[in-house]
């Protein structure tokens, strides 16, 4: 599960004895739409380097909702809309500035010392040796 709050996933993984899996069926499930998009797209092992993987992504989305339907789970997908709160705006600006600072430092660094890393949610493809 991808969480929208920084550090929550690390916290959850640090205390596995506190969590358990509960089978779901015949229920409603509220889903964070933004995180669902990220999970299905970036964590799906799709080759997203060049874009255009829409047919495969479509199949992933259909498969996800079909699995919910097979277990009588009614999904309620919530998309985070525009919020006028200054706190959210400040957080968004800070995160964009962090990205800009990272890009700037990579562009100024000697190429032999620093290599740009892939998106944190992109899964590397395995290379097969012959």
N, C-alpha and C. Protein backbone atom coordinates (compact mmCIF):
# COMPACT_ATOMS: atom_id res chain seq x y z
N UNK A 1 0.85 -1.17 0.00
CA UNK A 1 0.00 0.00 0.00
C UNK A 1 0.89 1.23 0.00
N UNK A 2 0.58 2.18 -0.85
CA UNK A 2 1.32 3.43 -0.88
C UNK A 2 0.55 4.44 -0.05
N UNK A 3 1.22 5.08 0.87
CA UNK A 3 0.56 6.03 1.76
C UNK A 3 0.84 7.44 1.29
N UNK A 4 -0.06 8.36 1.63
CA UNK A 4 0.10 9.74 1.25
C UNK A 4 0.85 10.58 2.28
N UNK A 5 1.21 9.98 3.40
CA UNK A 5 1.91 10.72 4.44
C UNK A 5 3.34 10.21 4.51
N UNK A 6 4.31 11.12 4.38
CA UNK A 6 5.71 10.71 4.39
C UNK A 6 6.05 10.01 5.70
N UNK A 7 6.74 8.89 5.58
CA UNK A 7 7.21 8.18 6.75
C UNK A 7 6.26 7.12 7.29
N UNK A 8 5.00 7.12 6.86
CA UNK A 8 4.04 6.16 7.39
C UNK A 8 4.39 4.74 6.94
N UNK A 9 4.73 4.57 5.68
CA UNK A 9 5.06 3.24 5.19
C UNK A 9 6.27 2.68 5.92
N UNK A 10 7.30 3.48 6.13
CA UNK A 10 8.48 3.03 6.87
C UNK A 10 8.11 2.65 8.29
N UNK A 11 7.26 3.44 8.91
CA UNK A 11 6.81 3.15 10.27
C UNK A 11 6.07 1.82 10.32
N UNK A 12 5.15 1.61 9.40
CA UNK A 12 4.37 0.38 9.37
C UNK A 12 5.29 -0.82 9.18
N UNK A 13 6.26 -0.71 8.30
CA UNK A 13 7.19 -1.82 8.05
C UNK A 13 8.12 -2.08 9.23
N UNK A 14 8.33 -1.07 10.07
CA UNK A 14 9.25 -1.25 11.19
C UNK A 14 8.64 -2.05 12.34
N UNK A 15 7.32 -2.21 12.36
CA UNK A 15 6.68 -2.98 13.43
C UNK A 15 5.68 -3.97 12.84
N UNK A 16 6.17 -4.98 12.11
CA UNK A 16 5.26 -5.91 11.43
C UNK A 16 4.37 -6.71 12.39
N UNK A 17 4.82 -6.90 13.63
CA UNK A 17 4.01 -7.67 14.58
C UNK A 17 2.72 -6.95 14.98
N UNK A 18 2.63 -5.66 14.69
CA UNK A 18 1.43 -4.90 15.06
C UNK A 18 0.34 -4.96 13.99
N UNK A 19 0.64 -5.56 12.86
CA UNK A 19 -0.31 -5.54 11.74
C UNK A 19 -0.65 -6.95 11.31
N UNK A 20 -1.82 -7.12 10.77
CA UNK A 20 -2.24 -8.41 10.25
C UNK A 20 -3.11 -8.18 9.03
N UNK A 21 -3.24 -9.21 8.21
CA UNK A 21 -4.07 -9.14 7.00
C UNK A 21 -5.49 -9.58 7.35
N UNK A 22 -6.44 -8.79 6.93
CA UNK A 22 -7.84 -9.09 7.17
C UNK A 22 -8.52 -9.25 5.81
N UNK A 23 -9.04 -10.44 5.51
CA UNK A 23 -9.73 -10.62 4.23
C UNK A 23 -10.96 -9.70 4.14
N UNK A 24 -11.15 -9.10 2.98
CA UNK A 24 -12.29 -8.22 2.77
C UNK A 24 -13.27 -8.87 1.82
N UNK A 25 -14.54 -8.80 2.13
CA UNK A 25 -15.59 -9.18 1.19
C UNK A 25 -16.89 -8.58 1.69
N UNK A 26 -17.82 -8.38 0.76
CA UNK A 26 -19.12 -7.79 1.07
C UNK A 26 -19.00 -6.51 1.88
N UNK A 27 -18.22 -5.56 1.37
CA UNK A 27 -18.03 -4.31 2.09
C UNK A 27 -17.75 -3.18 1.11
N UNK A 28 -17.78 -1.97 1.62
CA UNK A 28 -17.36 -0.81 0.83
C UNK A 28 -15.92 -0.50 1.21
N UNK A 29 -15.16 -0.03 0.24
CA UNK A 29 -13.75 0.29 0.46
C UNK A 29 -13.47 1.69 -0.08
N UNK A 30 -13.01 2.58 0.78
CA UNK A 30 -12.66 3.93 0.34
C UNK A 30 -11.20 3.90 -0.09
N UNK A 31 -10.94 4.40 -1.30
CA UNK A 31 -9.61 4.32 -1.91
C UNK A 31 -9.14 5.73 -2.27
N UNK A 32 -7.91 6.04 -1.89
CA UNK A 32 -7.27 7.30 -2.29
C UNK A 32 -6.91 7.18 -3.77
N UNK A 33 -7.61 7.92 -4.62
CA UNK A 33 -7.43 7.80 -6.06
C UNK A 33 -6.04 8.12 -6.54
N UNK A 34 -5.40 9.14 -5.97
CA UNK A 34 -4.05 9.51 -6.39
C UNK A 34 -3.06 8.39 -6.09
N UNK A 35 -3.17 7.81 -4.91
CA UNK A 35 -2.27 6.73 -4.56
C UNK A 35 -2.57 5.46 -5.33
N UNK A 36 -3.84 5.23 -5.66
CA UNK A 36 -4.18 4.08 -6.50
C UNK A 36 -3.53 4.24 -7.87
N UNK A 37 -3.63 5.43 -8.44
CA UNK A 37 -2.97 5.69 -9.73
C UNK A 37 -1.48 5.36 -9.65
N UNK A 38 -0.81 5.92 -8.62
CA UNK A 38 0.64 5.69 -8.48
C UNK A 38 0.96 4.22 -8.29
N UNK A 39 0.19 3.55 -7.47
CA UNK A 39 0.45 2.13 -7.23
C UNK A 39 0.28 1.31 -8.50
N UNK A 40 -0.83 1.50 -9.18
CA UNK A 40 -1.09 0.70 -10.37
C UNK A 40 -0.14 1.04 -11.51
N UNK A 41 0.25 2.29 -11.63
CA UNK A 41 1.11 2.68 -12.75
C UNK A 41 2.58 2.44 -12.46
N UNK A 42 3.09 2.99 -11.36
CA UNK A 42 4.53 2.92 -11.11
C UNK A 42 4.97 1.60 -10.48
N UNK A 43 4.11 0.93 -9.74
CA UNK A 43 4.49 -0.32 -9.09
C UNK A 43 4.04 -1.54 -9.90
N UNK A 44 3.72 -1.36 -11.15
CA UNK A 44 3.17 -2.45 -11.95
C UNK A 44 4.18 -3.13 -12.85
N UNK A 45 5.44 -2.72 -12.76
CA UNK A 45 6.51 -3.25 -13.61
C UNK A 45 6.31 -2.90 -15.09
N UNK A 46 5.51 -1.87 -15.36
CA UNK A 46 5.38 -1.39 -16.73
C UNK A 46 6.65 -0.63 -17.09
N UNK A 47 7.04 -0.70 -18.33
CA UNK A 47 8.18 0.07 -18.80
C UNK A 47 7.70 1.48 -19.09
N UNK A 48 7.88 2.38 -18.11
CA UNK A 48 7.32 3.73 -18.21
C UNK A 48 8.34 4.75 -18.69
N UNK A 49 9.50 4.28 -19.13
CA UNK A 49 10.56 5.22 -19.53
C UNK A 49 10.16 6.11 -20.69
N UNK A 50 9.40 5.59 -21.62
CA UNK A 50 9.04 6.38 -22.81
C UNK A 50 7.56 6.75 -22.83
N UNK A 51 6.80 6.30 -21.86
CA UNK A 51 5.38 6.62 -21.84
C UNK A 51 4.59 5.78 -22.82
N UNK A 52 3.31 6.03 -22.90
CA UNK A 52 2.47 5.36 -23.87
C UNK A 52 2.07 3.95 -23.50
N UNK A 53 2.21 3.56 -22.25
CA UNK A 53 1.85 2.22 -21.82
C UNK A 53 0.38 2.14 -21.42
N UNK A 54 -0.46 2.92 -22.09
CA UNK A 54 -1.85 3.04 -21.68
C UNK A 54 -2.65 1.75 -21.81
N UNK A 55 -2.49 0.95 -22.87
CA UNK A 55 -3.26 -0.31 -22.93
C UNK A 55 -2.93 -1.25 -21.76
N UNK A 56 -1.64 -1.36 -21.41
CA UNK A 56 -1.26 -2.21 -20.29
C UNK A 56 -1.77 -1.64 -18.97
N UNK A 57 -1.68 -0.34 -18.83
CA UNK A 57 -2.18 0.32 -17.63
C UNK A 57 -3.70 0.12 -17.51
N UNK A 58 -4.40 0.24 -18.62
CA UNK A 58 -5.84 0.03 -18.65
C UNK A 58 -6.17 -1.37 -18.14
N UNK A 59 -5.41 -2.38 -18.59
CA UNK A 59 -5.65 -3.75 -18.15
C UNK A 59 -5.39 -3.89 -16.64
N UNK A 60 -4.37 -3.20 -16.13
CA UNK A 60 -4.09 -3.24 -14.69
C UNK A 60 -5.26 -2.66 -13.89
N UNK A 61 -5.78 -1.53 -14.36
CA UNK A 61 -6.91 -0.88 -13.68
C UNK A 61 -8.14 -1.79 -13.71
N UNK A 62 -8.43 -2.34 -14.89
CA UNK A 62 -9.59 -3.25 -15.02
C UNK A 62 -9.44 -4.47 -14.12
N UNK A 63 -8.24 -5.03 -14.07
CA UNK A 63 -7.98 -6.20 -13.24
C UNK A 63 -8.17 -5.88 -11.76
N UNK A 64 -7.70 -4.71 -11.33
CA UNK A 64 -7.85 -4.29 -9.94
C UNK A 64 -9.33 -4.22 -9.54
N UNK A 65 -10.12 -3.53 -10.37
CA UNK A 65 -11.53 -3.38 -10.04
C UNK A 65 -12.31 -4.68 -10.22
N UNK A 66 -11.89 -5.53 -11.14
CA UNK A 66 -12.53 -6.84 -11.30
C UNK A 66 -12.31 -7.69 -10.05
N UNK A 67 -11.10 -7.63 -9.47
CA UNK A 67 -10.82 -8.38 -8.25
C UNK A 67 -11.70 -7.89 -7.10
N UNK A 68 -11.90 -6.59 -7.01
CA UNK A 68 -12.80 -6.06 -5.98
C UNK A 68 -14.22 -6.57 -6.20
N UNK A 69 -14.67 -6.52 -7.45
CA UNK A 69 -16.03 -6.95 -7.79
C UNK A 69 -16.24 -8.43 -7.48
N UNK A 70 -15.23 -9.27 -7.76
CA UNK A 70 -15.33 -10.71 -7.50
C UNK A 70 -15.52 -11.00 -6.01
N UNK A 71 -15.05 -10.11 -5.16
CA UNK A 71 -15.16 -10.29 -3.72
C UNK A 71 -16.27 -9.43 -3.10
N UNK A 72 -17.16 -8.94 -3.94
CA UNK A 72 -18.30 -8.12 -3.50
C UNK A 72 -17.85 -6.89 -2.72
N UNK A 73 -16.76 -6.31 -3.16
CA UNK A 73 -16.25 -5.08 -2.55
C UNK A 73 -16.66 -3.91 -3.43
N UNK A 74 -17.34 -2.95 -2.85
CA UNK A 74 -17.76 -1.76 -3.57
C UNK A 74 -16.72 -0.67 -3.37
N UNK A 75 -15.98 -0.32 -4.41
CA UNK A 75 -14.96 0.72 -4.25
C UNK A 75 -15.56 2.12 -4.30
N UNK A 76 -15.05 2.99 -3.44
CA UNK A 76 -15.39 4.41 -3.47
C UNK A 76 -14.04 5.12 -3.63
N UNK A 77 -13.77 5.61 -4.83
CA UNK A 77 -12.49 6.24 -5.12
C UNK A 77 -12.62 7.74 -4.88
N UNK A 78 -11.74 8.26 -4.03
CA UNK A 78 -11.76 9.67 -3.67
C UNK A 78 -10.52 10.32 -4.27
N UNK A 79 -10.75 11.38 -5.04
CA UNK A 79 -9.64 12.14 -5.62
C UNK A 79 -9.50 13.45 -4.87
N UNK A 80 -8.29 13.75 -4.47
CA UNK A 80 -8.00 14.97 -3.73
C UNK A 80 -8.16 16.15 -4.67
N UNK A 81 -9.06 17.02 -4.34
CA UNK A 81 -9.31 18.17 -5.18
C UNK A 81 -8.51 19.38 -4.75
N UNK A 82 -8.87 20.50 -5.29
CA UNK A 82 -8.19 21.75 -4.96
C UNK A 82 -8.55 22.14 -3.54
N UNK A 83 -7.54 22.51 -2.79
CA UNK A 83 -7.76 22.98 -1.43
C UNK A 83 -7.09 24.34 -1.31
N UNK A 84 -7.79 25.26 -0.71
CA UNK A 84 -7.26 26.61 -0.60
C UNK A 84 -6.38 26.81 0.63
N UNK A 85 -6.14 25.74 1.38
CA UNK A 85 -5.36 25.87 2.60
C UNK A 85 -3.91 26.24 2.34
N UNK A 86 -3.40 27.18 3.12
CA UNK A 86 -2.01 27.61 2.98
C UNK A 86 -1.04 26.50 3.32
N UNK A 87 -1.41 25.62 4.25
CA UNK A 87 -0.52 24.54 4.67
C UNK A 87 -0.24 23.59 3.51
N UNK A 88 -1.28 23.23 2.77
CA UNK A 88 -1.11 22.32 1.64
C UNK A 88 -0.28 22.98 0.55
N UNK A 89 -0.53 24.24 0.30
CA UNK A 89 0.24 24.98 -0.70
C UNK A 89 1.71 25.05 -0.30
N UNK A 90 1.97 25.31 0.98
CA UNK A 90 3.35 25.40 1.45
C UNK A 90 4.06 24.05 1.30
N UNK A 91 3.37 22.96 1.60
CA UNK A 91 3.96 21.63 1.45
C UNK A 91 4.26 21.34 -0.01
N UNK A 92 3.33 21.67 -0.89
CA UNK A 92 3.53 21.44 -2.32
C UNK A 92 4.72 22.25 -2.83
N UNK A 93 4.80 23.50 -2.44
CA UNK A 93 5.94 24.34 -2.85
C UNK A 93 7.26 23.79 -2.34
N UNK A 94 7.27 23.34 -1.07
CA UNK A 94 8.50 22.80 -0.48
C UNK A 94 8.96 21.55 -1.24
N UNK A 95 8.03 20.67 -1.58
CA UNK A 95 8.39 19.45 -2.31
C UNK A 95 8.88 19.76 -3.71
N UNK A 96 8.26 20.72 -4.38
CA UNK A 96 8.74 21.12 -5.71
C UNK A 96 10.14 21.72 -5.60
N UNK A 97 10.38 22.52 -4.58
CA UNK A 97 11.71 23.11 -4.38
C UNK A 97 12.75 22.03 -4.13
N UNK A 98 12.39 20.99 -3.38
CA UNK A 98 13.31 19.87 -3.15
C UNK A 98 13.68 19.21 -4.47
N UNK A 99 12.70 19.02 -5.34
CA UNK A 99 12.97 18.42 -6.65
C UNK A 99 13.87 19.31 -7.49
N UNK A 100 13.61 20.61 -7.47
CA UNK A 100 14.43 21.56 -8.22
C UNK A 100 15.86 21.55 -7.70
N UNK A 101 16.02 21.57 -6.37
CA UNK A 101 17.35 21.55 -5.77
C UNK A 101 18.11 20.28 -6.13
N UNK A 102 17.42 19.14 -6.13
CA UNK A 102 18.05 17.87 -6.50
C UNK A 102 18.49 17.91 -7.95
N UNK A 103 17.62 18.38 -8.84
CA UNK A 103 17.96 18.46 -10.26
C UNK A 103 19.14 19.40 -10.48
N UNK A 104 19.13 20.54 -9.78
CA UNK A 104 20.21 21.52 -9.90
C UNK A 104 21.54 20.91 -9.45
N UNK A 105 21.55 20.21 -8.32
CA UNK A 105 22.80 19.63 -7.82
C UNK A 105 23.30 18.53 -8.76
N UNK A 106 22.39 17.77 -9.35
CA UNK A 106 22.82 16.74 -10.30
C UNK A 106 23.38 17.35 -11.58
N UNK A 107 22.79 18.46 -12.01
CA UNK A 107 23.26 19.08 -13.25
C UNK A 107 24.63 19.73 -13.08
N UNK A 108 24.97 20.13 -11.88
CA UNK A 108 26.25 20.78 -11.62
C UNK A 108 27.33 19.80 -11.21
N UNK A 109 26.97 18.61 -10.84
CA UNK A 109 27.95 17.63 -10.35
C UNK A 109 28.73 17.03 -11.51
N UNK A 110 29.99 16.68 -11.27
CA UNK A 110 30.76 15.98 -12.31
C UNK A 110 30.06 14.68 -12.67
N UNK A 111 29.93 14.41 -13.94
CA UNK A 111 29.17 13.24 -14.38
C UNK A 111 29.77 11.93 -13.90
N UNK A 112 31.06 11.91 -13.60
CA UNK A 112 31.67 10.66 -13.17
C UNK A 112 31.31 10.32 -11.72
N UNK A 113 30.85 11.31 -10.94
CA UNK A 113 30.56 11.07 -9.53
C UNK A 113 29.09 10.86 -9.24
N UNK A 114 28.22 11.49 -10.00
CA UNK A 114 26.79 11.40 -9.70
C UNK A 114 26.03 10.90 -10.92
N UNK A 115 25.12 10.00 -10.66
CA UNK A 115 24.27 9.46 -11.71
C UNK A 115 22.83 9.66 -11.27
N UNK A 116 22.02 10.19 -12.15
CA UNK A 116 20.61 10.40 -11.83
C UNK A 116 19.95 9.05 -11.56
N UNK A 117 19.15 8.99 -10.52
CA UNK A 117 18.48 7.76 -10.15
C UNK A 117 17.09 7.73 -10.78
N UNK A 118 16.55 6.52 -11.03
CA UNK A 118 15.20 6.44 -11.58
C UNK A 118 14.18 6.89 -10.55
N UNK A 119 12.98 7.12 -11.03
CA UNK A 119 11.87 7.49 -10.15
C UNK A 119 11.77 6.44 -9.04
N UNK A 120 11.53 6.84 -7.77
CA UNK A 120 11.52 5.88 -6.67
C UNK A 120 10.48 4.77 -6.81
N UNK A 121 9.43 5.02 -7.58
CA UNK A 121 8.41 3.99 -7.73
C UNK A 121 8.60 3.15 -8.99
N UNK A 122 9.54 3.54 -9.85
CA UNK A 122 9.78 2.78 -11.07
C UNK A 122 10.53 1.51 -10.72
N UNK A 123 10.09 0.41 -11.26
CA UNK A 123 10.75 -0.87 -10.99
C UNK A 123 11.80 -1.12 -12.06
N UNK A 124 13.00 -1.47 -11.66
CA UNK A 124 14.04 -1.73 -12.66
C UNK A 124 13.73 -3.03 -13.41
N UNK A 125 14.09 -3.03 -14.66
CA UNK A 125 13.92 -4.24 -15.45
C UNK A 125 15.14 -5.12 -15.24
N UNK A 126 14.93 -6.40 -15.17
CA UNK A 126 16.03 -7.34 -14.98
C UNK A 126 16.69 -7.62 -16.32
N UNK A 127 17.99 -7.59 -16.32
CA UNK A 127 18.74 -7.92 -17.52
C UNK A 127 19.10 -9.39 -17.47
N UNK A 128 18.85 -10.06 -18.57
CA UNK A 128 19.15 -11.49 -18.64
C UNK A 128 20.46 -11.69 -19.37
N UNK A 129 21.34 -12.44 -18.75
CA UNK A 129 22.62 -12.74 -19.39
C UNK A 129 22.48 -13.94 -20.29
N UNK A 130 23.21 -13.90 -21.35
CA UNK A 130 23.16 -15.02 -22.29
C UNK A 130 24.30 -15.95 -22.05
